[in-house]
């Protein structure tokens, strides 16, 4: 080498071009979670179906839960009759179950309550607006 010249650094050349730094090391880790604000668009929520839609039919879900209604209906086994139907907004049917329970000394209400709880939990019952009950609580 000639005197006074230095060896190029980082891939530059001896004619005075700017040296190029090496690329930053790759860490192999995914980007941080959650993503920075504004990176992803806001999720769309259907105003006509605030609790979602049934996947097969596309009908909007009710605001009432089938699990809560089914468990309340099973309370008829402990003497609390028709509460599940009253929770769903079907007060007439709930009162009817109460009357049947009083007339039959509770036997009719227990049988009707078990059958009704099974119907509620297997999606055979809808709310008063005709919407299917939602799965969650």
N, C-alpha and C. Protein backbone atom coordinates (compact mmCIF):
# COMPACT_ATOMS: atom_id res chain seq x y z
N UNK A 1 0.82 -1.19 0.00
CA UNK A 1 0.00 0.00 0.00
C UNK A 1 0.87 1.25 0.00
N UNK A 2 0.31 2.28 -0.51
CA UNK A 2 1.03 3.55 -0.54
C UNK A 2 0.99 4.21 0.82
N UNK A 3 1.99 5.00 1.10
CA UNK A 3 2.01 5.66 2.40
C UNK A 3 0.94 6.75 2.44
N UNK A 4 0.33 6.92 3.60
CA UNK A 4 -0.69 7.94 3.77
C UNK A 4 -2.09 7.45 3.44
N UNK A 5 -2.20 6.35 2.79
CA UNK A 5 -3.53 5.82 2.48
C UNK A 5 -3.90 4.80 3.55
N UNK A 6 -5.10 4.84 3.93
CA UNK A 6 -5.57 3.87 4.91
C UNK A 6 -6.45 2.85 4.22
N UNK A 7 -6.57 1.76 4.89
CA UNK A 7 -7.39 0.69 4.32
C UNK A 7 -8.87 1.07 4.43
N UNK A 8 -9.66 0.79 3.41
CA UNK A 8 -11.08 1.17 3.49
C UNK A 8 -11.79 0.44 4.63
N UNK A 9 -12.76 1.14 5.16
CA UNK A 9 -13.51 0.59 6.28
C UNK A 9 -14.93 0.30 5.83
N UNK A 10 -15.51 -0.82 6.23
CA UNK A 10 -16.89 -1.20 5.95
C UNK A 10 -17.22 -1.22 4.46
N UNK A 11 -16.40 -1.69 3.65
CA UNK A 11 -16.72 -1.86 2.25
C UNK A 11 -16.54 -0.63 1.40
N UNK A 12 -15.99 0.45 1.93
CA UNK A 12 -15.74 1.63 1.13
C UNK A 12 -14.52 1.39 0.23
N UNK A 13 -14.15 2.36 -0.56
CA UNK A 13 -12.96 2.19 -1.41
C UNK A 13 -11.95 3.27 -1.09
N UNK A 14 -10.77 3.14 -1.65
CA UNK A 14 -9.71 4.09 -1.32
C UNK A 14 -9.85 5.41 -2.06
N UNK A 15 -10.91 5.60 -2.83
CA UNK A 15 -11.06 6.84 -3.59
C UNK A 15 -11.95 7.84 -2.90
N UNK A 16 -12.27 7.64 -1.63
CA UNK A 16 -12.98 8.65 -0.88
C UNK A 16 -14.49 8.47 -0.78
N UNK A 17 -15.04 7.39 -1.24
CA UNK A 17 -16.49 7.24 -1.10
C UNK A 17 -16.83 6.97 0.36
N UNK A 18 -18.05 7.24 0.71
CA UNK A 18 -18.49 7.06 2.09
C UNK A 18 -18.51 5.57 2.43
N UNK A 19 -18.06 5.23 3.60
CA UNK A 19 -18.13 3.82 4.00
C UNK A 19 -19.58 3.41 4.27
N UNK A 20 -19.90 2.19 3.94
CA UNK A 20 -21.25 1.68 4.20
C UNK A 20 -21.20 0.82 5.45
N UNK A 21 -22.01 1.15 6.46
CA UNK A 21 -21.98 0.38 7.70
C UNK A 21 -22.58 -1.02 7.47
N UNK A 22 -22.23 -1.96 8.30
CA UNK A 22 -22.79 -3.30 8.14
C UNK A 22 -24.28 -3.29 8.50
N UNK A 23 -25.06 -4.23 7.98
CA UNK A 23 -26.50 -4.26 8.32
C UNK A 23 -26.68 -4.59 9.80
N UNK A 24 -27.77 -4.10 10.40
CA UNK A 24 -28.00 -4.39 11.83
C UNK A 24 -28.22 -5.90 12.02
N UNK A 25 -27.81 -6.42 13.16
CA UNK A 25 -27.98 -7.86 13.39
C UNK A 25 -29.46 -8.22 13.50
N UNK A 26 -29.81 -9.36 12.98
CA UNK A 26 -31.18 -9.85 13.05
C UNK A 26 -31.33 -10.64 14.36
N UNK A 27 -32.34 -10.27 15.15
CA UNK A 27 -32.48 -10.91 16.45
C UNK A 27 -33.25 -12.22 16.37
N UNK A 28 -34.12 -12.39 15.40
CA UNK A 28 -34.90 -13.61 15.28
C UNK A 28 -36.16 -13.60 16.13
N UNK A 29 -36.44 -12.49 16.82
CA UNK A 29 -37.65 -12.40 17.63
C UNK A 29 -38.76 -11.73 16.82
N UNK A 30 -40.02 -12.08 17.09
CA UNK A 30 -41.12 -11.42 16.38
C UNK A 30 -41.26 -9.98 16.86
N UNK A 31 -42.01 -9.16 16.14
CA UNK A 31 -42.22 -7.78 16.57
C UNK A 31 -42.97 -7.75 17.91
N UNK A 32 -42.86 -6.66 18.66
CA UNK A 32 -43.51 -6.59 19.98
C UNK A 32 -45.03 -6.65 19.86
N UNK A 33 -45.67 -7.20 20.90
CA UNK A 33 -47.13 -7.28 20.94
C UNK A 33 -47.61 -6.47 22.12
N UNK A 34 -48.64 -5.74 22.04
CA UNK A 34 -49.49 -5.45 20.90
C UNK A 34 -48.80 -4.50 19.93
N UNK A 35 -49.28 -4.47 18.69
CA UNK A 35 -48.64 -3.59 17.71
C UNK A 35 -48.81 -2.13 18.10
N UNK A 36 -47.93 -1.27 17.64
CA UNK A 36 -48.06 0.16 17.96
C UNK A 36 -49.40 0.71 17.50
N UNK A 37 -49.87 1.71 18.20
CA UNK A 37 -51.18 2.31 17.91
C UNK A 37 -51.21 2.84 16.47
N UNK A 38 -52.32 2.61 15.82
CA UNK A 38 -52.51 3.10 14.46
C UNK A 38 -51.94 2.19 13.39
N UNK A 39 -51.34 1.09 13.77
CA UNK A 39 -50.76 0.21 12.77
C UNK A 39 -51.83 -0.65 12.10
N UNK A 40 -52.85 -1.06 12.86
CA UNK A 40 -53.92 -1.88 12.30
C UNK A 40 -55.23 -1.12 12.36
N UNK A 41 -56.12 -1.34 11.40
CA UNK A 41 -57.39 -0.61 11.42
C UNK A 41 -58.30 -1.13 12.54
N UNK A 42 -59.26 -0.30 12.90
CA UNK A 42 -60.25 -0.66 13.93
C UNK A 42 -61.12 -1.81 13.44
N UNK A 43 -61.47 -2.73 14.34
CA UNK A 43 -62.32 -3.86 13.97
C UNK A 43 -63.74 -3.35 13.69
N UNK A 44 -64.40 -3.97 12.73
CA UNK A 44 -65.76 -3.59 12.36
C UNK A 44 -66.75 -4.28 13.27
N UNK A 45 -67.71 -3.53 13.79
CA UNK A 45 -68.79 -4.11 14.58
C UNK A 45 -70.11 -3.74 13.93
N UNK A 46 -70.92 -4.74 13.68
CA UNK A 46 -72.20 -4.56 13.03
C UNK A 46 -73.18 -3.93 14.02
N UNK A 47 -73.69 -2.72 13.75
CA UNK A 47 -74.63 -2.10 14.69
C UNK A 47 -75.95 -2.85 14.79
N UNK A 48 -76.31 -3.62 13.77
CA UNK A 48 -77.55 -4.38 13.82
C UNK A 48 -77.40 -5.67 14.62
N UNK A 49 -76.16 -6.08 14.92
CA UNK A 49 -75.91 -7.31 15.68
C UNK A 49 -74.78 -7.06 16.68
N UNK A 50 -75.07 -6.35 17.78
CA UNK A 50 -74.00 -6.02 18.73
C UNK A 50 -73.41 -7.24 19.44
N UNK A 51 -74.12 -8.36 19.48
CA UNK A 51 -73.61 -9.56 20.14
C UNK A 51 -73.13 -10.59 19.13
N UNK A 52 -72.97 -10.19 17.88
CA UNK A 52 -72.48 -11.09 16.85
C UNK A 52 -73.61 -11.73 16.07
N UNK A 53 -73.23 -12.55 15.11
CA UNK A 53 -74.20 -13.25 14.27
C UNK A 53 -73.96 -14.74 14.33
N UNK A 54 -75.04 -15.49 14.17
CA UNK A 54 -74.93 -16.94 14.13
C UNK A 54 -74.20 -17.32 12.85
N UNK A 55 -73.15 -18.17 12.93
CA UNK A 55 -72.33 -18.44 11.74
C UNK A 55 -73.07 -19.13 10.61
N UNK A 56 -73.99 -20.01 10.91
CA UNK A 56 -74.65 -20.77 9.85
C UNK A 56 -75.74 -19.96 9.14
N UNK A 57 -76.54 -19.21 9.90
CA UNK A 57 -77.68 -18.53 9.30
C UNK A 57 -77.46 -17.03 9.12
N UNK A 58 -76.53 -16.45 9.86
CA UNK A 58 -76.29 -15.02 9.77
C UNK A 58 -77.25 -14.19 10.60
N UNK A 59 -78.10 -14.84 11.41
CA UNK A 59 -79.05 -14.10 12.26
C UNK A 59 -78.30 -13.44 13.42
N UNK A 60 -78.73 -12.25 13.84
CA UNK A 60 -78.09 -11.63 14.99
C UNK A 60 -78.44 -12.37 16.28
N UNK A 61 -77.46 -12.48 17.18
CA UNK A 61 -77.69 -13.15 18.46
C UNK A 61 -78.50 -12.26 19.39
N UNK A 62 -79.20 -12.89 20.31
CA UNK A 62 -79.95 -12.20 21.36
C UNK A 62 -78.99 -11.65 22.40
N UNK A 63 -79.48 -10.73 23.22
CA UNK A 63 -78.66 -10.25 24.33
C UNK A 63 -78.73 -11.21 25.51
N UNK A 64 -79.54 -12.23 25.44
CA UNK A 64 -79.69 -13.22 26.51
C UNK A 64 -78.81 -14.44 26.22
N UNK A 65 -78.27 -15.04 27.29
CA UNK A 65 -77.39 -16.19 27.18
C UNK A 65 -78.16 -17.48 27.40
N UNK A 66 -77.91 -18.48 26.54
CA UNK A 66 -78.60 -19.75 26.71
C UNK A 66 -78.08 -20.51 27.93
N UNK A 67 -76.81 -20.31 28.30
CA UNK A 67 -76.26 -21.00 29.47
C UNK A 67 -76.92 -20.47 30.75
N UNK A 68 -77.04 -19.16 30.85
CA UNK A 68 -77.68 -18.57 32.03
C UNK A 68 -79.14 -18.99 32.09
N UNK A 69 -79.85 -18.94 30.97
CA UNK A 69 -81.27 -19.32 30.95
C UNK A 69 -81.45 -20.79 31.30
N UNK A 70 -80.59 -21.66 30.77
CA UNK A 70 -80.70 -23.09 31.06
C UNK A 70 -80.44 -23.40 32.52
N UNK A 71 -79.42 -22.74 33.10
CA UNK A 71 -79.13 -22.97 34.52
C UNK A 71 -80.23 -22.41 35.42
N UNK A 72 -80.77 -21.26 35.06
CA UNK A 72 -81.89 -20.72 35.83
C UNK A 72 -83.12 -21.63 35.73
N UNK A 73 -83.32 -22.23 34.59
CA UNK A 73 -84.45 -23.14 34.42
C UNK A 73 -84.27 -24.39 35.29
N UNK A 74 -83.03 -24.82 35.46
CA UNK A 74 -82.77 -25.99 36.31
C UNK A 74 -82.96 -25.68 37.79
N UNK A 75 -83.06 -24.42 38.16
CA UNK A 75 -83.33 -24.07 39.55
C UNK A 75 -84.72 -24.55 39.98
N UNK A 76 -85.55 -24.93 39.03
CA UNK A 76 -86.86 -25.51 39.36
C UNK A 76 -86.72 -26.78 40.17
N UNK A 77 -85.56 -27.42 40.09
CA UNK A 77 -85.32 -28.61 40.90
C UNK A 77 -85.24 -28.25 42.38
N UNK A 78 -84.96 -26.99 42.69
CA UNK A 78 -84.84 -26.54 44.07
C UNK A 78 -86.03 -25.69 44.50
N UNK A 79 -87.10 -25.72 43.75
CA UNK A 79 -88.31 -25.00 44.12
C UNK A 79 -88.48 -23.64 43.48
N UNK A 80 -87.48 -23.17 42.75
CA UNK A 80 -87.58 -21.87 42.07
C UNK A 80 -88.01 -22.17 40.64
N UNK A 81 -89.26 -21.98 40.34
CA UNK A 81 -89.83 -22.48 39.09
C UNK A 81 -90.03 -21.36 38.07
N UNK A 82 -89.66 -21.60 36.80
CA UNK A 82 -89.94 -20.69 35.70
C UNK A 82 -89.03 -19.49 35.59
N UNK A 83 -87.96 -19.44 36.37
CA UNK A 83 -87.08 -18.26 36.37
C UNK A 83 -86.34 -18.13 35.05
N UNK A 84 -85.97 -19.25 34.44
CA UNK A 84 -85.26 -19.20 33.16
C UNK A 84 -86.09 -18.57 32.06
N UNK A 85 -87.38 -18.91 32.02
CA UNK A 85 -88.27 -18.30 31.02
C UNK A 85 -88.52 -16.83 31.33
N UNK A 86 -88.58 -16.47 32.60
CA UNK A 86 -88.76 -15.07 32.94
C UNK A 86 -87.51 -14.26 32.57
N UNK A 87 -86.33 -14.85 32.74
CA UNK A 87 -85.08 -14.20 32.33
C UNK A 87 -85.09 -13.93 30.82
N UNK A 88 -85.63 -14.86 30.05
CA UNK A 88 -85.68 -14.69 28.60
C UNK A 88 -86.73 -13.67 28.16
N UNK A 89 -87.58 -13.24 29.09
CA UNK A 89 -88.62 -12.28 28.75
C UNK A 89 -89.94 -12.93 28.42
N UNK A 90 -90.06 -14.23 28.64
CA UNK A 90 -91.30 -14.96 28.38
C UNK A 90 -91.99 -15.18 29.72
N UNK A 91 -92.53 -14.09 30.27
CA UNK A 91 -93.09 -14.09 31.61
C UNK A 91 -94.32 -14.98 31.70
N UNK A 92 -95.15 -15.00 30.67
CA UNK A 92 -96.35 -15.84 30.69
C UNK A 92 -96.01 -17.32 30.86
N UNK A 93 -95.01 -17.78 30.14
CA UNK A 93 -94.59 -19.17 30.25
C UNK A 93 -93.98 -19.45 31.63
N UNK A 94 -93.24 -18.50 32.17
CA UNK A 94 -92.67 -18.65 33.51
C UNK A 94 -93.74 -18.75 34.58
N UNK A 95 -94.76 -17.89 34.47
CA UNK A 95 -95.87 -17.95 35.42
C UNK A 95 -96.64 -19.25 35.25
N UNK A 96 -96.79 -19.71 34.02
CA UNK A 96 -97.46 -20.99 33.77
C UNK A 96 -96.71 -22.14 34.44
N UNK A 97 -95.40 -22.13 34.36
CA UNK A 97 -94.61 -23.16 35.03
C UNK A 97 -94.77 -23.08 36.54
N UNK A 98 -94.86 -21.86 37.06
CA UNK A 98 -95.07 -21.68 38.49
C UNK A 98 -96.41 -22.25 38.92
N UNK A 99 -97.46 -21.98 38.15
CA UNK A 99 -98.80 -22.49 38.47
C UNK A 99 -98.82 -24.01 38.40
N UNK A 100 -98.23 -24.59 37.36
CA UNK A 100 -98.17 -26.05 37.24
C UNK A 100 -97.41 -26.64 38.42
N UNK A 101 -96.35 -25.98 38.86
CA UNK A 101 -95.60 -26.46 40.02
C UNK A 101 -96.42 -26.43 41.28
N UNK A 102 -97.24 -25.38 41.47
CA UNK A 102 -98.08 -25.30 42.66
C UNK A 102 -99.20 -26.33 42.63
N UNK A 103 -99.81 -26.52 41.48
CA UNK A 103 -100.93 -27.46 41.36
C UNK A 103 -100.47 -28.91 41.53
N UNK A 104 -99.31 -29.24 41.00
CA UNK A 104 -98.83 -30.63 41.05
C UNK A 104 -97.85 -30.86 42.19
N UNK A 105 -97.81 -29.94 43.16
CA UNK A 105 -96.91 -30.03 44.32
C UNK A 105 -95.44 -30.14 43.88
N UNK A 106 -95.08 -29.51 42.80
CA UNK A 106 -93.71 -29.43 42.35
C UNK A 106 -93.28 -30.49 41.35
N UNK A 107 -94.02 -31.57 41.23
CA UNK A 107 -93.60 -32.65 40.33
C UNK A 107 -93.67 -32.20 38.87
N UNK A 108 -94.75 -31.56 38.48
CA UNK A 108 -94.88 -31.09 37.10
C UNK A 108 -93.84 -30.04 36.75
N UNK A 109 -93.51 -29.18 37.71
CA UNK A 109 -92.53 -28.13 37.47
C UNK A 109 -91.13 -28.72 37.30
N UNK A 110 -90.82 -29.77 38.06
CA UNK A 110 -89.50 -30.39 37.94
C UNK A 110 -89.35 -31.04 36.56
N UNK A 111 -90.37 -31.78 36.15
CA UNK A 111 -90.31 -32.44 34.84
C UNK A 111 -90.26 -31.40 33.73
N UNK A 112 -91.15 -30.41 33.78
CA UNK A 112 -91.18 -29.37 32.76
C UNK A 112 -89.88 -28.56 32.77
N UNK A 113 -89.34 -28.28 33.96
CA UNK A 113 -88.09 -27.51 34.06
C UNK A 113 -86.91 -28.22 33.44
N UNK A 114 -86.80 -29.55 33.66
CA UNK A 114 -85.69 -30.31 33.07
C UNK A 114 -85.81 -30.34 31.55
N UNK A 115 -87.01 -30.63 31.06
CA UNK A 115 -87.22 -30.66 29.60
C UNK A 115 -86.96 -29.29 28.99
N UNK A 116 -87.45 -28.25 29.66
CA UNK A 116 -87.27 -26.89 29.15
C UNK A 116 -85.79 -26.49 29.17
N UNK A 117 -85.05 -26.87 30.20
CA UNK A 117 -83.62 -26.56 30.26
C UNK A 117 -82.88 -27.24 29.12
N UNK A 118 -83.24 -28.48 28.82
CA UNK A 118 -82.61 -29.20 27.69
C UNK A 118 -82.92 -28.49 26.38
N UNK A 119 -84.17 -28.06 26.21
CA UNK A 119 -84.53 -27.33 24.98
C UNK A 119 -83.76 -26.01 24.86
N UNK A 120 -83.61 -25.31 25.97
CA UNK A 120 -82.88 -24.04 25.93
C UNK A 120 -81.42 -24.26 25.58
N UNK A 121 -80.80 -25.26 26.21
CA UNK A 121 -79.37 -25.50 26.00
C UNK A 121 -79.05 -26.09 24.63
N UNK A 122 -80.05 -26.66 23.94
CA UNK A 122 -79.82 -27.24 22.61
C UNK A 122 -80.32 -26.33 21.49
N UNK A 123 -80.45 -25.05 21.77
CA UNK A 123 -80.81 -24.04 20.76
C UNK A 123 -82.20 -24.21 20.15
N UNK A 124 -83.13 -24.75 20.87
CA UNK A 124 -84.50 -24.89 20.37
C UNK A 124 -85.39 -23.73 20.80
N UNK A 125 -84.91 -22.89 21.71
CA UNK A 125 -85.70 -21.78 22.24
C UNK A 125 -85.06 -20.47 21.78
N UNK A 126 -85.89 -19.50 21.44
CA UNK A 126 -85.43 -18.18 21.01
C UNK A 126 -85.99 -17.12 21.95
N UNK A 127 -85.44 -15.92 21.88
CA UNK A 127 -85.95 -14.85 22.72
C UNK A 127 -87.26 -14.31 22.15
N UNK A 128 -87.96 -13.41 22.85
CA UNK A 128 -89.25 -12.91 22.36
C UNK A 128 -89.18 -12.21 20.99
N UNK A 129 -88.02 -11.71 20.59
CA UNK A 129 -87.87 -11.08 19.27
C UNK A 129 -87.54 -12.11 18.19
N UNK A 130 -87.43 -13.37 18.53
CA UNK A 130 -87.17 -14.42 17.56
C UNK A 130 -85.69 -14.63 17.25
N UNK A 131 -84.80 -14.01 18.02
CA UNK A 131 -83.37 -14.16 17.80
C UNK A 131 -82.84 -15.38 18.55
N UNK A 132 -81.83 -16.07 18.01
CA UNK A 132 -81.23 -17.20 18.74
C UNK A 132 -80.46 -16.70 19.95
N UNK A 133 -80.45 -17.51 21.01
CA UNK A 133 -79.71 -17.15 22.23
C UNK A 133 -78.22 -17.30 21.98
N UNK A 134 -77.43 -16.41 22.59
CA UNK A 134 -75.99 -16.48 22.40
C UNK A 134 -75.38 -17.51 23.33
N UNK A 135 -74.16 -17.97 23.00
CA UNK A 135 -73.52 -19.05 23.72
C UNK A 135 -72.88 -18.60 25.03
N UNK A 136 -72.28 -17.44 25.08
CA UNK A 136 -71.53 -17.00 26.26
C UNK A 136 -72.43 -16.48 27.35
N UNK A 137 -71.78 -15.99 28.40
CA UNK A 137 -72.54 -15.45 29.55
C UNK A 137 -72.86 -14.00 29.37
